[in-house]
């Protein structure tokens, strides 16, 4: 059974590829301007969306995203 979580993001290692945004656009957005790095739109993840965010974290080639239980 999934539990709610919180997104922990390491901005310094993000390369801005956008796989996280592809998997979970409700939670992540890669900036079109500025430095082109990802922004976390919502830090809290409900249990029913956890798998989506975990997939985004697992797809991150720089391991810049992880989810911790609330």
PDB file of N, CA and C in Angstrom:
ATOM      1  N   UNK A   1       0.841  -1.191   0.000  1.00  0.00           N
ATOM      2  CA  UNK A   1       0.000   0.000   0.000  1.00  0.00           C
ATOM      3  C   UNK A   1       0.886   1.254   0.000  1.00  0.00           C
ATOM      4  N   UNK A   2       0.623   2.133  -0.915  1.00  0.00           N
ATOM      5  CA  UNK A   2       1.402   3.368  -1.025  1.00  0.00           C
ATOM      6  C   UNK A   2       1.045   4.337   0.095  1.00  0.00           C
ATOM      7  N   UNK A   3       2.008   5.130   0.474  1.00  0.00           N
ATOM      8  CA  UNK A   3       1.799   6.161   1.481  1.00  0.00           C
ATOM      9  C   UNK A   3       2.156   7.512   0.882  1.00  0.00           C
ATOM     10  N   UNK A   4       1.638   8.547   1.503  1.00  0.00           N
ATOM     11  CA  UNK A   4       1.947   9.904   1.047  1.00  0.00           C
ATOM     12  C   UNK A   4       3.435  10.168   1.241  1.00  0.00           C
ATOM     13  N   UNK A   5       3.961  11.084   0.455  1.00  0.00           N
ATOM     14  CA  UNK A   5       5.381  11.392   0.551  1.00  0.00           C
ATOM     15  C   UNK A   5       5.672  12.846   0.257  1.00  0.00           C
ATOM     16  N   UNK A   6       6.959  13.164   0.361  1.00  0.00           N
ATOM     17  CA  UNK A   6       7.431  14.514   0.066  1.00  0.00           C
ATOM     18  C   UNK A   6       8.600  14.378  -0.903  1.00  0.00           C
ATOM     19  N   UNK A   7       8.619  15.223  -1.921  1.00  0.00           N
ATOM     20  CA  UNK A   7       9.682  15.218  -2.920  1.00  0.00           C
ATOM     21  C   UNK A   7      10.893  15.961  -2.360  1.00  0.00           C
ATOM     22  N   UNK A   8      12.049  15.317  -2.459  1.00  0.00           N
ATOM     23  CA  UNK A   8      13.320  15.941  -2.103  1.00  0.00           C
ATOM     24  C   UNK A   8      14.098  16.063  -3.405  1.00  0.00           C
ATOM     25  N   UNK A   9      14.471  17.280  -3.749  1.00  0.00           N
ATOM     26  CA  UNK A   9      15.093  17.562  -5.038  1.00  0.00           C
ATOM     27  C   UNK A   9      16.438  18.240  -4.848  1.00  0.00           C
ATOM     28  N   UNK A  10      17.454  17.755  -5.557  1.00  0.00           N
ATOM     29  CA  UNK A  10      18.786  18.340  -5.532  1.00  0.00           C
ATOM     30  C   UNK A  10      18.974  19.154  -6.809  1.00  0.00           C
ATOM     31  N   UNK A  11      18.768  20.434  -6.702  1.00  0.00           N
ATOM     32  CA  UNK A  11      18.834  21.325  -7.854  1.00  0.00           C
ATOM     33  C   UNK A  11      20.239  21.403  -8.462  1.00  0.00           C
ATOM     34  N   UNK A  12      21.257  21.236  -7.654  1.00  0.00           N
ATOM     35  CA  UNK A  12      22.628  21.380  -8.154  1.00  0.00           C
ATOM     36  C   UNK A  12      23.034  20.236  -9.083  1.00  0.00           C
ATOM     37  N   UNK A  13      22.407  19.072  -8.964  1.00  0.00           N
ATOM     38  CA  UNK A  13      22.764  17.956  -9.839  1.00  0.00           C
ATOM     39  C   UNK A  13      21.820  17.798 -11.020  1.00  0.00           C
ATOM     40  N   UNK A  14      20.725  18.522 -11.056  1.00  0.00           N
ATOM     41  CA  UNK A  14      19.737  18.425 -12.132  1.00  0.00           C
ATOM     42  C   UNK A  14      20.349  18.874 -13.456  1.00  0.00           C
ATOM     43  N   UNK A  15      20.133  18.076 -14.504  1.00  0.00           N
ATOM     44  CA  UNK A  15      20.654  18.442 -15.821  1.00  0.00           C
ATOM     45  C   UNK A  15      19.578  19.001 -16.748  1.00  0.00           C
ATOM     46  N   UNK A  16      18.309  19.019 -16.292  1.00  0.00           N
ATOM     47  CA  UNK A  16      17.230  19.630 -17.073  1.00  0.00           C
ATOM     48  C   UNK A  16      16.776  18.817 -18.268  1.00  0.00           C
ATOM     49  N   UNK A  17      16.982  17.522 -18.267  1.00  0.00           N
ATOM     50  CA  UNK A  17      16.586  16.675 -19.392  1.00  0.00           C
ATOM     51  C   UNK A  17      15.066  16.616 -19.540  1.00  0.00           C
ATOM     52  N   UNK A  18      14.351  16.563 -18.429  1.00  0.00           N
ATOM     53  CA  UNK A  18      12.887  16.630 -18.484  1.00  0.00           C
ATOM     54  C   UNK A  18      12.152  15.301 -18.390  1.00  0.00           C
ATOM     55  N   UNK A  19      12.848  14.209 -18.103  1.00  0.00           N
ATOM     56  CA  UNK A  19      12.152  12.932 -17.967  1.00  0.00           C
ATOM     57  C   UNK A  19      11.168  12.963 -16.805  1.00  0.00           C
ATOM     58  N   UNK A  20      11.499  13.670 -15.750  1.00  0.00           N
ATOM     59  CA  UNK A  20      10.589  13.780 -14.602  1.00  0.00           C
ATOM     60  C   UNK A  20       9.290  14.470 -15.019  1.00  0.00           C
ATOM     61  N   UNK A  21       9.398  15.519 -15.790  1.00  0.00           N
ATOM     62  CA  UNK A  21       8.222  16.240 -16.271  1.00  0.00           C
ATOM     63  C   UNK A  21       7.375  15.349 -17.177  1.00  0.00           C
ATOM     64  N   UNK A  22       8.022  14.515 -17.964  1.00  0.00           N
ATOM     65  CA  UNK A  22       7.307  13.607 -18.847  1.00  0.00           C
ATOM     66  C   UNK A  22       6.490  12.588 -18.040  1.00  0.00           C
ATOM     67  N   UNK A  23       7.059  12.089 -16.954  1.00  0.00           N
ATOM     68  CA  UNK A  23       6.387  11.072 -16.146  1.00  0.00           C
ATOM     69  C   UNK A  23       5.384  11.646 -15.154  1.00  0.00           C
ATOM     70  N   UNK A  24       5.633  12.850 -14.655  1.00  0.00           N
ATOM     71  CA  UNK A  24       4.766  13.428 -13.622  1.00  0.00           C
ATOM     72  C   UNK A  24       4.644  14.943 -13.804  1.00  0.00           C
ATOM     73  N   UNK A  25       3.971  15.378 -14.873  1.00  0.00           N
ATOM     74  CA  UNK A  25       3.892  16.818 -15.167  1.00  0.00           C
ATOM     75  C   UNK A  25       3.143  17.633 -14.119  1.00  0.00           C
ATOM     76  N   UNK A  26       2.357  16.977 -13.310  1.00  0.00           N
ATOM     77  CA  UNK A  26       1.638  17.663 -12.234  1.00  0.00           C
ATOM     78  C   UNK A  26       2.599  18.110 -11.123  1.00  0.00           C
ATOM     79  N   UNK A  27       3.779  17.480 -11.058  1.00  0.00           N
ATOM     80  CA  UNK A  27       4.722  17.736  -9.980  1.00  0.00           C
ATOM     81  C   UNK A  27       6.003  18.432 -10.420  1.00  0.00           C
ATOM     82  N   UNK A  28       6.386  18.275 -11.688  1.00  0.00           N
ATOM     83  CA  UNK A  28       7.669  18.797 -12.164  1.00  0.00           C
ATOM     84  C   UNK A  28       7.498  19.621 -13.433  1.00  0.00           C
ATOM     85  N   UNK A  29       8.342  20.650 -13.547  1.00  0.00           N
ATOM     86  CA  UNK A  29       8.338  21.469 -14.756  1.00  0.00           C
ATOM     87  C   UNK A  29       9.760  21.942 -15.023  1.00  0.00           C
ATOM     88  N   UNK A  30      10.214  21.734 -16.237  1.00  0.00           N
ATOM     89  CA  UNK A  30      11.528  22.232 -16.629  1.00  0.00           C
ATOM     90  C   UNK A  30      11.340  23.639 -17.171  1.00  0.00           C
ATOM     91  N   UNK A  31      12.104  24.566 -16.634  1.00  0.00           N
ATOM     92  CA  UNK A  31      11.991  25.968 -17.013  1.00  0.00           C
ATOM     93  C   UNK A  31      12.363  26.167 -18.474  1.00  0.00           C
ATOM     94  N   UNK A  32      11.542  26.887 -19.191  1.00  0.00           N
ATOM     95  CA  UNK A  32      11.811  27.216 -20.596  1.00  0.00           C
ATOM     96  C   UNK A  32      12.847  28.334 -20.700  1.00  0.00           C
ATOM     97  N   UNK A  33      12.904  29.154 -19.662  1.00  0.00           N
ATOM     98  CA  UNK A  33      13.874  30.246 -19.650  1.00  0.00           C
ATOM     99  C   UNK A  33      14.787  30.073 -18.437  1.00  0.00           C
ATOM    100  N   UNK A  34      15.657  30.966 -18.231  1.00  0.00           N
ATOM    101  CA  UNK A  34      16.549  30.873 -17.077  1.00  0.00           C
ATOM    102  C   UNK A  34      17.589  29.783 -17.263  1.00  0.00           C
ATOM    103  N   UNK A  35      17.778  28.968 -16.224  1.00  0.00           N
ATOM    104  CA  UNK A  35      18.848  27.968 -16.263  1.00  0.00           C
ATOM    105  C   UNK A  35      18.406  26.636 -16.862  1.00  0.00           C
ATOM    106  N   UNK A  36      17.117  26.483 -17.189  1.00  0.00           N
ATOM    107  CA  UNK A  36      16.640  25.261 -17.822  1.00  0.00           C
ATOM    108  C   UNK A  36      16.559  24.065 -16.909  1.00  0.00           C
ATOM    109  N   UNK A  37      16.600  24.293 -15.620  1.00  0.00           N
ATOM    110  CA  UNK A  37      16.523  23.192 -14.662  1.00  0.00           C
ATOM    111  C   UNK A  37      15.091  22.992 -14.199  1.00  0.00           C
ATOM    112  N   UNK A  38      14.873  21.873 -13.595  1.00  0.00           N
ATOM    113  CA  UNK A  38      13.542  21.482 -13.154  1.00  0.00           C
ATOM    114  C   UNK A  38      13.108  22.257 -11.915  1.00  0.00           C
ATOM    115  N   UNK A  39      11.805  22.475 -11.829  1.00  0.00           N
ATOM    116  CA  UNK A  39      11.183  23.084 -10.672  1.00  0.00           C
ATOM    117  C   UNK A  39      10.157  22.108 -10.119  1.00  0.00           C
ATOM    118  N   UNK A  40      10.133  21.966  -8.805  1.00  0.00           N
ATOM    119  CA  UNK A  40       9.111  21.149  -8.163  1.00  0.00           C
ATOM    120  C   UNK A  40       7.877  22.022  -8.003  1.00  0.00           C
ATOM    121  N   UNK A  41       6.764  21.614  -8.609  1.00  0.00           N
ATOM    122  CA  UNK A  41       5.522  22.386  -8.545  1.00  0.00           C
ATOM    123  C   UNK A  41       4.764  22.120  -7.255  1.00  0.00           C
ATOM    124  N   UNK A  42       4.820  20.878  -6.783  1.00  0.00           N
ATOM    125  CA  UNK A  42       4.146  20.471  -5.562  1.00  0.00           C
ATOM    126  C   UNK A  42       5.059  19.509  -4.829  1.00  0.00           C
ATOM    127  N   UNK A  43       5.441  19.828  -3.596  1.00  0.00           N
ATOM    128  CA  UNK A  43       6.349  18.962  -2.847  1.00  0.00           C
ATOM    129  C   UNK A  43       5.660  17.752  -2.228  1.00  0.00           C
ATOM    130  N   UNK A  44       4.399  17.888  -1.869  1.00  0.00           N
ATOM    131  CA  UNK A  44       3.686  16.806  -1.204  1.00  0.00           C
ATOM    132  C   UNK A  44       3.011  15.910  -2.234  1.00  0.00           C
ATOM    133  N   UNK A  45       3.176  14.599  -2.039  1.00  0.00           N
ATOM    134  CA  UNK A  45       2.637  13.604  -2.968  1.00  0.00           C
ATOM    135  C   UNK A  45       1.616  12.749  -2.233  1.00  0.00           C
ATOM    136  N   UNK A  46       0.375  12.743  -2.706  1.00  0.00           N
ATOM    137  CA  UNK A  46      -0.648  11.871  -2.135  1.00  0.00           C
ATOM    138  C   UNK A  46      -0.332  10.423  -2.473  1.00  0.00           C
ATOM    139  N   UNK A  47      -0.824   9.522  -1.669  1.00  0.00           N
ATOM    140  CA  UNK A  47      -0.556   8.092  -1.861  1.00  0.00           C
ATOM    141  C   UNK A  47      -0.965   7.613  -3.248  1.00  0.00           C
ATOM    142  N   UNK A  48      -2.071   8.136  -3.781  1.00  0.00           N
ATOM    143  CA  UNK A  48      -2.545   7.675  -5.095  1.00  0.00           C
ATOM    144  C   UNK A  48      -1.689   8.173  -6.261  1.00  0.00           C
ATOM    145  N   UNK A  49      -0.821   9.145  -6.028  1.00  0.00           N
ATOM    146  CA  UNK A  49       0.074   9.666  -7.077  1.00  0.00           C
ATOM    147  C   UNK A  49       1.529   9.254  -6.855  1.00  0.00           C
ATOM    148  N   UNK A  50       1.778   8.542  -5.783  1.00  0.00           N
ATOM    149  CA  UNK A  50       3.155   8.204  -5.409  1.00  0.00           C
ATOM    150  C   UNK A  50       3.886   7.404  -6.496  1.00  0.00           C
ATOM    151  N   UNK A  51       3.227   6.413  -7.083  1.00  0.00           N
ATOM    152  CA  UNK A  51       3.869   5.590  -8.107  1.00  0.00           C
ATOM    153  C   UNK A  51       4.321   6.439  -9.294  1.00  0.00           C
ATOM    154  N   UNK A  52       3.523   7.418  -9.672  1.00  0.00           N
ATOM    155  CA  UNK A  52       3.854   8.321 -10.779  1.00  0.00           C
ATOM    156  C   UNK A  52       5.127   9.106 -10.472  1.00  0.00           C
ATOM    157  N   UNK A  53       5.227   9.611  -9.251  1.00  0.00           N
ATOM    158  CA  UNK A  53       6.394  10.397  -8.857  1.00  0.00           C
ATOM    159  C   UNK A  53       7.621   9.497  -8.670  1.00  0.00           C
ATOM    160  N   UNK A  54       7.421   8.286  -8.166  1.00  0.00           N
ATOM    161  CA  UNK A  54       8.533   7.347  -8.045  1.00  0.00           C
ATOM    162  C   UNK A  54       9.102   6.994  -9.418  1.00  0.00           C
ATOM    163  N   UNK A  55       8.236   6.839 -10.400  1.00  0.00           N
ATOM    164  CA  UNK A  55       8.694   6.565 -11.762  1.00  0.00           C
ATOM    165  C   UNK A  55       9.518   7.736 -12.298  1.00  0.00           C
ATOM    166  N   UNK A  56       9.075   8.945 -12.001  1.00  0.00           N
ATOM    167  CA  UNK A  56       9.825  10.134 -12.411  1.00  0.00           C
ATOM    168  C   UNK A  56      11.196  10.154 -11.745  1.00  0.00           C
ATOM    169  N   UNK A  57      11.252   9.837 -10.461  1.00  0.00           N
ATOM    170  CA  UNK A  57      12.517   9.821  -9.733  1.00  0.00           C
ATOM    171  C   UNK A  57      13.446   8.742 -10.284  1.00  0.00           C
ATOM    172  N   UNK A  58      12.898   7.576 -10.564  1.00  0.00           N
ATOM    173  CA  UNK A  58      13.713   6.476 -11.090  1.00  0.00           C
ATOM    174  C   UNK A  58      14.240   6.772 -12.493  1.00  0.00           C
ATOM    175  N   UNK A  59      13.528   7.595 -13.251  1.00  0.00           N
ATOM    176  CA  UNK A  59      13.963   7.925 -14.616  1.00  0.00           C
ATOM    177  C   UNK A  59      15.020   9.025 -14.646  1.00  0.00           C
ATOM    178  N   UNK A  60      15.243   9.680 -13.530  1.00  0.00           N
ATOM    179  CA  UNK A  60      16.197  10.799 -13.481  1.00  0.00           C
ATOM    180  C   UNK A  60      17.625  10.270 -13.635  1.00  0.00           C
ATOM    181  N   UNK A  61      18.310  10.646 -14.723  1.00  0.00           N
ATOM    182  CA  UNK A  61      19.657  10.138 -14.959  1.00  0.00           C
ATOM    183  C   UNK A  61      20.702  10.657 -13.973  1.00  0.00           C
ATOM    184  N   UNK A  62      20.397  11.730 -13.271  1.00  0.00           N
ATOM    185  CA  UNK A  62      21.344  12.284 -12.302  1.00  0.00           C
ATOM    186  C   UNK A  62      20.944  11.981 -10.858  1.00  0.00           C
ATOM    187  N   UNK A  63      19.873  11.204 -10.681  1.00  0.00           N
ATOM    188  CA  UNK A  63      19.388  10.836  -9.335  1.00  0.00           C
ATOM    189  C   UNK A  63      19.161  12.071  -8.469  1.00  0.00           C
ATOM    190  N   UNK A  64      18.575  13.097  -9.049  1.00  0.00           N
ATOM    191  CA  UNK A  64      18.344  14.362  -8.344  1.00  0.00           C
ATOM    192  C   UNK A  64      17.034  14.391  -7.572  1.00  0.00           C
ATOM    193  N   UNK A  65      16.213  13.355  -7.725  1.00  0.00           N
ATOM    194  CA  UNK A  65      14.891  13.325  -7.103  1.00  0.00           C
ATOM    195  C   UNK A  65      14.759  12.087  -6.238  1.00  0.00           C
ATOM    196  N   UNK A  66      14.229  12.276  -5.041  1.00  0.00           N
ATOM    197  CA  UNK A  66      13.837  11.133  -4.220  1.00  0.00           C
ATOM    198  C   UNK A  66      12.577  11.493  -3.458  1.00  0.00           C
ATOM    199  N   UNK A  67      11.895  10.486  -2.959  1.00  0.00           N
ATOM    200  CA  UNK A  67      10.638  10.671  -2.242  1.00  0.00           C
ATOM    201  C   UNK A  67      10.815  10.081  -0.849  1.00  0.00           C
ATOM    202  N   UNK A  68      10.437  10.852   0.154  1.00  0.00           N
ATOM    203  CA  UNK A  68      10.484  10.368   1.532  1.00  0.00           C
ATOM    204  C   UNK A  68       9.063  10.259   2.056  1.00  0.00           C
ATOM    205  N   UNK A  69       8.831   9.267   2.896  1.00  0.00           N
ATOM    206  CA  UNK A  69       7.516   9.069   3.490  1.00  0.00           C
ATOM    207  C   UNK A  69       7.154  10.223   4.405  1.00  0.00           C
ATOM    208  N   UNK A  70       5.867  10.530   4.442  1.00  0.00           N
ATOM    209  CA  UNK A  70       5.372  11.539   5.380  1.00  0.00           C
ATOM    210  C   UNK A  70       4.954  10.855   6.657  1.00  0.00           C
TER     211      UNK A  70
END
